[in-house]
Amino acid sequence: MKTDNLPNLTMPAEWTRHSGTQLHWPSNRETWPNEKRLERVEKVYIELISAMTQSDHVHLLCENEPVLKRAKNKLNMTGIQSGKITFHTQPVNDIWARDCGPIYVFDEDGNPVITNWKFNSWGEKYPPFDADDALPDYFAGYFNQPQIKSDMVLEGGSIDVNGTGTLLTTESVLLNPNRNPNLTKQEIKKSLKKHLGVRHIIWLKSGLEGDDTDGHIDDLTRFVSPTKVVTMVTDDKSDVNYKRLLENLDILKSAVDQDGNLLEIIELPMPLTKTDEATVDGSEYVPASYANFYIANNQVLLPLYDDRYDEMVIKLFQELFPNHKITGIPCADLVWGQGSIHCITQQLYY
């Protein structure tokens, strides 16, 4: 599909009912450098998939036959219904499906269309990334769906939409010279509006310490309805994230939606982010965030990190999503790899 004559497109909000969810079984030994770390994150995946298959069909990508066999063996031992999982033996570089997977929009007739952006591993931080960059094309072929290709670098975790015309993002990612050094802010805005069908963009500043994506919005602020957002905050002035979260909160307080209406803001507490063991890239912090939840069809999969706040956040999300089951998943072993539930999932429409 040519980009010079695009139809009117709309990117759906995450709570829009979808057909399936994309996941990649963990196997990158640079992200998970020893067997102990790998087995710990696999346990998170098993718990996540066990919960997710209660409401979603899972498309699980495994980079080769040995990884496929390992995933099936571990999942079979848990009694998970295999009929709720489609296994794909497909090359992948890592587990971050949100950032490299297909970003779906709907055309004027409500048909799903894949937007296929460039993926460069957050500024070429972790080569190789060619297999992940090829995944939107793979799904377009697998589902026999039309796709719109763009030469702009964009990750799914760097944007969030309300489904009615407003998009949230951060300047620290989209304006970072390691993504699109030849594009101005105006050109980036034009491309987002053209390809995703948004009319208004809210720009926050920067992300969490330890977030090697340079500050994805899905660790900071998320829409939970067309007019309501949750956002990470902390009252602890000694917290490494205090100033940046306060700056983002100030921006949100005066931000409006596509119709000029102020947003309702719900604050989420900041869990402990300092790690006992430095991450692979040497960081002392991980981007642990309650904002990194995933809205499945009949439930919200919510990452848990901190006994001080976990139960309170579960209760809050049950109020925000009264028609969804709130399923908490302990994610300390997942976020050590510098991402969490939203980072490893991508909704599919077919």
Protein backbone atom coordinates (compact mmCIF):
# COMPACT_ATOMS: atom_id res chain seq x y z
CA MET A 1 0.00 0.00 0.00
CA LYS A 2 1.51 3.32 -1.04
CA THR A 3 2.04 5.95 1.64
CA ASP A 4 1.40 8.91 -0.65
CA ASN A 5 -2.31 8.11 -0.91
CA LEU A 6 -3.30 6.57 2.41
CA PRO A 7 -6.94 6.01 3.39
CA ASN A 8 -8.26 7.41 6.65
CA LEU A 9 -6.68 5.22 9.32
CA THR A 10 -7.30 4.81 13.05
CA MET A 11 -5.01 3.21 15.60
CA PRO A 12 -7.23 1.42 18.14
CA ALA A 13 -6.79 1.83 21.87
CA GLU A 14 -5.36 -1.23 23.58
CA TRP A 15 -8.68 -2.08 25.22
CA THR A 16 -10.18 -2.69 21.77
CA ARG A 17 -10.90 -6.40 21.47
CA HIS A 18 -8.16 -8.15 19.52
CA SER A 19 -7.68 -11.54 17.89
CA GLY A 20 -4.46 -12.66 19.55
CA THR A 21 -1.30 -11.63 21.37
CA GLN A 22 2.28 -11.89 20.12
CA LEU A 23 4.99 -13.19 22.47
CA HIS A 24 8.59 -14.39 21.95
CA TRP A 25 9.98 -17.19 24.10
CA PRO A 26 13.17 -15.92 25.85
CA SER A 27 16.39 -17.31 24.36
CA ASN A 28 18.84 -14.42 23.88
CA ARG A 29 21.85 -15.32 26.02
CA GLU A 30 23.13 -11.76 26.07
CA THR A 31 19.92 -10.57 27.73
CA TRP A 32 19.79 -13.68 29.98
CA PRO A 33 23.52 -14.46 30.38
CA ASN A 34 23.29 -17.64 32.43
CA GLU A 35 20.96 -20.61 32.85
CA LYS A 36 19.73 -19.37 36.21
CA ARG A 37 18.59 -16.05 34.78
CA LEU A 38 17.00 -17.75 31.78
CA GLU A 39 15.07 -20.24 33.91
CA ARG A 40 13.81 -17.46 36.17
CA VAL A 41 12.43 -15.44 33.29
CA GLU A 42 10.93 -18.59 31.75
CA LYS A 43 8.94 -19.05 34.97
CA VAL A 44 7.51 -15.55 34.50
CA TYR A 45 6.55 -16.48 30.93
CA ILE A 46 4.85 -19.66 32.07
CA GLU A 47 2.77 -17.76 34.63
CA LEU A 48 1.98 -15.05 32.09
CA ILE A 49 0.95 -17.46 29.34
CA SER A 50 -1.11 -19.52 31.78
CA ALA A 51 -3.05 -16.39 32.67
CA MET A 52 -3.20 -14.92 29.19
CA THR A 53 -4.66 -18.05 27.56
CA GLN A 54 -7.73 -17.63 29.77
CA SER A 55 -8.76 -14.69 27.57
CA ASP A 56 -6.42 -14.47 24.56
CA HIS A 57 -5.00 -16.67 21.86
CA VAL A 58 -1.20 -16.53 22.08
CA HIS A 59 1.10 -16.49 19.06
CA LEU A 60 4.40 -17.64 20.54
CA LEU A 61 7.51 -17.09 18.42
CA CYS A 62 10.52 -19.35 19.03
CA GLU A 63 13.74 -18.53 17.24
CA ASN A 64 14.61 -22.13 16.24
CA GLU A 65 13.60 -25.77 16.75
CA PRO A 66 15.58 -26.31 20.01
CA VAL A 67 13.94 -23.23 21.56
CA LEU A 68 10.53 -24.42 20.33
CA LYS A 69 11.08 -27.82 21.92
CA ARG A 70 12.20 -26.26 25.20
CA ALA A 71 9.18 -23.94 25.30
CA LYS A 72 6.72 -26.74 24.56
CA ASN A 73 8.27 -29.02 27.21
CA LYS A 74 8.06 -26.37 29.90
CA LEU A 75 4.53 -25.30 28.97
CA ASN A 76 3.27 -28.89 28.73
CA MET A 77 4.35 -29.52 32.31
CA THR A 78 2.02 -26.76 33.50
CA GLY A 79 -1.14 -28.10 31.87
CA ILE A 80 -1.71 -25.01 29.75
CA GLN A 81 -4.22 -25.66 26.95
CA SER A 82 -2.10 -26.01 23.82
CA GLY A 83 -5.13 -25.13 21.70
CA LYS A 84 -4.83 -21.55 22.95
CA ILE A 85 -1.26 -21.25 21.62
CA THR A 86 0.00 -21.11 18.05
CA PHE A 87 3.72 -21.84 17.94
CA HIS A 88 5.83 -20.13 15.29
CA THR A 89 9.36 -21.28 14.51
CA GLN A 90 10.54 -17.87 13.40
CA PRO A 91 13.88 -16.07 13.81
CA VAL A 92 13.79 -13.40 16.52
CA ASN A 93 16.59 -11.43 18.16
CA ASP A 94 14.97 -10.93 21.56
CA ILE A 95 11.68 -10.89 23.46
CA TRP A 96 10.53 -7.29 23.02
CA ALA A 97 7.51 -7.91 20.80
CA ARG A 98 5.94 -4.55 21.61
CA ASP A 99 8.71 -2.63 19.92
CA CYS A 100 9.30 -4.70 16.79
CA GLY A 101 5.90 -6.32 16.22
CA PRO A 102 3.23 -5.04 13.82
CA ILE A 103 1.47 -1.85 14.88
CA TYR A 104 -2.13 -2.22 13.71
CA VAL A 105 -4.52 0.41 12.43
CA PHE A 106 -8.04 0.09 11.02
CA ASP A 107 -9.05 1.42 7.62
CA GLU A 108 -12.31 3.26 6.89
CA ASP A 109 -14.18 -0.05 6.66
CA GLY A 110 -12.81 -1.34 9.98
CA ASN A 111 -10.37 -3.76 8.36
CA PRO A 112 -7.00 -4.31 10.08
CA VAL A 113 -3.89 -2.97 8.36
CA ILE A 114 -0.30 -3.42 9.55
CA THR A 115 1.93 -0.39 9.78
CA ASN A 116 5.50 -1.53 9.29
CA TRP A 117 8.08 0.86 10.75
CA LYS A 118 11.84 0.49 10.95
CA PHE A 119 13.23 -1.10 14.12
CA ASN A 120 16.87 -0.37 14.99
CA SER A 121 17.11 -1.81 18.51
CA TRP A 122 16.68 1.52 20.30
CA GLY A 123 19.42 3.31 18.43
CA GLU A 124 21.45 0.24 17.37
CA LYS A 125 22.25 -0.60 21.01
CA TYR A 126 21.96 -4.39 20.68
CA PRO A 127 22.82 -5.76 17.25
CA PRO A 128 21.82 -7.84 15.45
CA PHE A 129 18.20 -6.73 15.10
CA ASP A 130 17.39 -7.74 11.53
CA ALA A 131 15.14 -10.66 12.52
CA ASP A 132 13.02 -8.46 14.80
CA ASP A 133 12.83 -5.74 12.16
CA ALA A 134 11.37 -8.29 9.72
CA LEU A 135 8.48 -9.38 11.98
CA PRO A 136 5.75 -7.02 10.70
CA ASP A 137 6.42 -8.33 7.20
CA TYR A 138 6.25 -11.89 8.53
CA PHE A 139 2.84 -11.33 10.13
CA ALA A 140 1.51 -9.55 7.05
CA GLY A 141 2.36 -12.66 5.07
CA TYR A 142 1.16 -15.10 7.73
CA PHE A 143 -2.26 -13.45 8.05
CA ASN A 144 -2.37 -12.30 4.40
CA GLN A 145 -2.93 -8.71 5.46
CA PRO A 146 -2.13 -5.39 3.79
CA GLN A 147 0.69 -3.36 5.24
CA ILE A 148 1.94 0.20 5.04
CA LYS A 149 5.71 0.56 5.19
CA SER A 150 7.48 3.59 6.60
CA ASP A 151 11.19 4.49 6.60
CA MET A 152 10.81 6.09 10.02
CA VAL A 153 12.12 4.28 13.11
CA LEU A 154 9.33 3.72 15.63
CA GLU A 155 8.81 1.27 18.50
CA GLY A 156 5.41 0.27 19.81
CA GLY A 157 6.43 0.98 23.40
CA SER A 158 7.19 4.59 22.55
CA ILE A 159 3.55 5.48 21.80
CA ASP A 160 0.17 5.08 23.46
CA VAL A 161 -3.22 6.14 22.06
CA ASN A 162 -6.72 6.72 23.38
CA GLY A 163 -8.36 5.46 20.18
CA THR A 164 -10.14 8.74 19.53
CA GLY A 165 -7.30 10.82 18.13
CA THR A 166 -4.70 11.50 20.83
CA LEU A 167 -1.23 9.96 21.11
CA LEU A 168 1.20 10.06 24.05
CA THR A 169 4.96 9.89 23.58
CA THR A 170 8.29 11.21 24.89
CA GLU A 171 10.77 13.62 23.37
CA SER A 172 13.68 11.57 24.75
CA VAL A 173 12.79 8.73 22.36
CA LEU A 174 11.12 10.15 19.27
CA LEU A 175 13.43 13.16 19.02
CA ASN A 176 16.54 11.16 19.89
CA PRO A 177 19.15 11.43 17.09
CA ASN A 178 19.77 7.66 17.38
CA ARG A 179 16.35 7.05 15.80
CA ASN A 180 15.58 9.53 13.01
CA PRO A 181 18.42 12.06 12.82
CA ASN A 182 17.23 13.40 9.46
CA LEU A 183 13.66 14.11 10.58
CA THR A 184 12.45 17.25 12.35
CA LYS A 185 9.83 17.17 15.10
CA GLN A 186 7.26 18.47 12.63
CA GLU A 187 8.09 15.71 10.14
CA ILE A 188 7.78 13.08 12.86
CA LYS A 189 4.41 14.51 13.93
CA LYS A 190 3.21 14.48 10.33
CA SER A 191 4.20 10.83 9.89
CA LEU A 192 2.48 9.74 13.11
CA LYS A 193 -0.72 11.55 12.17
CA LYS A 194 -0.69 10.20 8.63
CA HIS A 195 0.06 6.56 9.45
CA LEU A 196 -1.76 6.17 12.79
CA GLY A 197 -4.72 8.46 12.24
CA VAL A 198 -4.09 10.63 15.30
CA ARG A 199 -4.96 14.33 15.42
CA HIS A 200 -3.19 15.42 18.58
CA ILE A 201 0.13 14.48 20.22
CA ILE A 202 1.11 14.98 23.87
CA TRP A 203 4.88 15.14 24.34
CA LEU A 204 6.31 14.21 27.73
CA LYS A 205 10.01 14.71 28.35
CA SER A 206 12.07 11.73 29.53
CA GLY A 207 11.72 8.24 30.96
CA LEU A 208 12.88 6.13 33.86
CA GLU A 209 16.46 5.59 34.96
CA GLY A 210 17.62 2.20 33.73
CA ASP A 211 15.29 2.23 30.72
CA ASP A 212 17.65 1.43 27.86
CA THR A 213 14.99 2.46 25.32
CA ASP A 214 15.79 6.10 26.23
CA GLY A 215 12.42 6.56 27.92
CA HIS A 216 9.42 4.69 26.52
CA ILE A 217 5.98 6.06 27.33
CA ASP A 218 4.72 2.61 28.40
CA ASP A 219 6.84 2.88 31.56
CA LEU A 220 5.48 6.33 32.35
CA THR A 221 1.94 7.21 31.33
CA ARG A 222 -0.85 5.16 29.74
CA PHE A 223 -4.41 5.74 28.64
CA VAL A 224 -6.97 3.66 30.53
CA SER A 225 -9.94 5.33 28.80
CA PRO A 226 -10.30 7.97 26.07
CA THR A 227 -10.19 10.72 28.72
CA LYS A 228 -8.16 9.17 31.55
CA VAL A 229 -4.47 8.34 32.09
CA VAL A 230 -2.43 6.65 34.78
CA THR A 231 1.03 8.07 35.38
CA MET A 232 4.01 7.14 37.52
CA VAL A 233 4.93 9.51 40.39
CA THR A 234 7.02 9.56 43.53
CA ASP A 235 7.04 11.87 46.56
CA ASP A 236 10.55 10.76 47.49
CA LYS A 237 12.86 13.60 46.48
CA SER A 238 15.85 11.27 46.81
CA ASP A 239 14.40 8.91 44.19
CA VAL A 240 16.49 8.92 41.01
CA ASN A 241 13.28 9.41 39.00
CA TYR A 242 11.77 12.19 41.12
CA LYS A 243 12.55 15.22 38.94
CA ARG A 244 11.69 13.65 35.60
CA LEU A 245 8.39 12.24 36.87
CA LEU A 246 7.45 15.59 38.38
CA GLU A 247 8.25 17.32 35.08
CA ASN A 248 6.08 14.86 33.16
CA LEU A 249 3.24 15.26 35.68
CA ASP A 250 3.32 19.03 35.27
CA ILE A 251 3.01 18.63 31.50
CA LEU A 252 0.07 16.24 31.90
CA LYS A 253 -1.79 18.63 34.18
CA SER A 254 -2.10 21.14 31.36
CA ALA A 255 -2.35 18.61 28.51
CA VAL A 256 -5.59 18.24 26.58
CA ASP A 257 -7.06 15.58 24.31
CA GLN A 258 -7.93 15.94 20.63
CA ASP A 259 -11.04 17.95 21.54
CA GLY A 260 -9.27 20.35 23.88
CA ASN A 261 -10.45 18.70 27.11
CA LEU A 262 -8.16 18.25 30.11
CA LEU A 263 -7.27 14.66 30.98
CA GLU A 264 -8.19 12.95 34.23
CA ILE A 265 -4.91 11.89 35.86
CA ILE A 266 -4.55 8.92 38.22
CA GLU A 267 -1.18 8.63 39.95
CA LEU A 268 0.67 5.34 40.35
CA PRO A 269 3.38 4.82 42.99
CA MET A 270 6.99 4.20 42.05
CA PRO A 271 8.22 0.76 43.18
CA LEU A 272 11.79 0.04 44.17
CA THR A 273 13.95 0.24 41.03
CA LYS A 274 17.48 -0.20 42.35
CA THR A 275 18.69 -3.70 41.63
CA ASP A 276 20.99 -5.86 43.77
CA GLU A 277 22.75 -7.14 40.67
CA ALA A 278 23.69 -4.78 37.83
CA THR A 279 21.90 -5.45 34.55
CA VAL A 280 23.68 -6.64 31.42
CA ASP A 281 24.43 -3.08 30.32
CA GLY A 282 25.78 -2.20 33.77
CA SER A 283 22.80 -0.23 35.10
CA GLU A 284 22.10 -0.17 38.83
CA TYR A 285 18.43 0.53 38.11
CA VAL A 286 15.65 -1.28 36.28
CA PRO A 287 12.56 0.36 34.73
CA ALA A 288 10.11 -1.26 37.15
CA SER A 289 6.76 0.40 36.54
CA TYR A 290 3.12 -0.39 37.18
CA ALA A 291 2.35 1.46 33.95
CA ASN A 292 3.79 -1.45 31.97
CA PHE A 293 0.54 -3.43 32.12
CA TYR A 294 -1.16 -5.19 29.18
CA ILE A 295 -4.88 -5.05 28.48
CA ALA A 296 -5.91 -8.51 27.32
CA ASN A 297 -9.44 -9.17 26.10
CA ASN A 298 -11.04 -9.97 29.46
CA GLN A 299 -8.28 -9.17 31.90
CA VAL A 300 -5.47 -6.77 32.70
CA LEU A 301 -2.07 -8.36 33.19
CA LEU A 302 -0.38 -6.19 35.79
CA PRO A 303 3.33 -6.40 36.73
CA LEU A 304 4.05 -6.58 40.46
CA TYR A 305 7.32 -5.49 42.08
CA ASP A 306 6.93 -4.09 45.56
CA ASP A 307 4.97 -5.41 48.57
CA ARG A 308 4.40 -1.84 49.75
CA TYR A 309 2.22 -1.03 46.74
CA ASP A 310 1.20 -4.20 44.88
CA GLU A 311 -2.19 -4.79 46.54
CA MET A 312 -3.13 -1.12 46.39
CA VAL A 313 -2.37 -1.00 42.66
CA ILE A 314 -4.35 -4.19 41.99
CA LYS A 315 -7.35 -2.63 43.75
CA LEU A 316 -6.95 0.60 41.78
CA PHE A 317 -6.86 -1.24 38.45
CA GLN A 318 -9.97 -3.21 39.39
CA GLU A 319 -11.75 0.13 39.82
CA LEU A 320 -10.38 1.37 36.49
CA PHE A 321 -11.33 -1.83 34.65
CA PRO A 322 -14.46 -3.15 36.41
CA ASN A 323 -15.27 -5.55 33.57
CA HIS A 324 -11.79 -7.10 33.48
CA LYS A 325 -10.09 -9.56 35.77
CA ILE A 326 -6.91 -8.04 37.22
CA THR A 327 -4.12 -10.61 37.17
CA GLY A 328 -0.93 -9.64 38.98
CA ILE A 329 2.32 -11.22 37.79
CA PRO A 330 5.53 -10.83 39.84
CA CYS A 331 7.99 -9.36 37.34
CA ALA A 332 11.26 -8.70 39.15
CA ASP A 333 13.02 -11.40 37.11
CA LEU A 334 11.55 -10.09 33.84
CA VAL A 335 12.34 -6.42 34.41
CA TRP A 336 15.97 -7.31 35.17
CA GLY A 337 16.18 -7.64 31.38
CA GLN A 338 14.97 -4.00 31.28
CA GLY A 339 11.38 -4.51 30.21
CA SER A 340 8.13 -5.89 31.56
CA ILE A 341 4.71 -7.24 30.52
CA HIS A 342 3.74 -4.53 28.05
CA CYS A 343 7.21 -4.65 26.47
CA ILE A 344 6.93 -8.36 25.63
CA THR A 345 3.36 -8.34 24.28
CA GLN A 346 1.77 -6.98 21.10
CA GLN A 347 -1.90 -7.26 20.21
CA LEU A 348 -2.80 -8.74 16.84
CA TYR A 349 -5.93 -8.21 14.73
CA TYR A 350 -6.87 -10.71 12.03
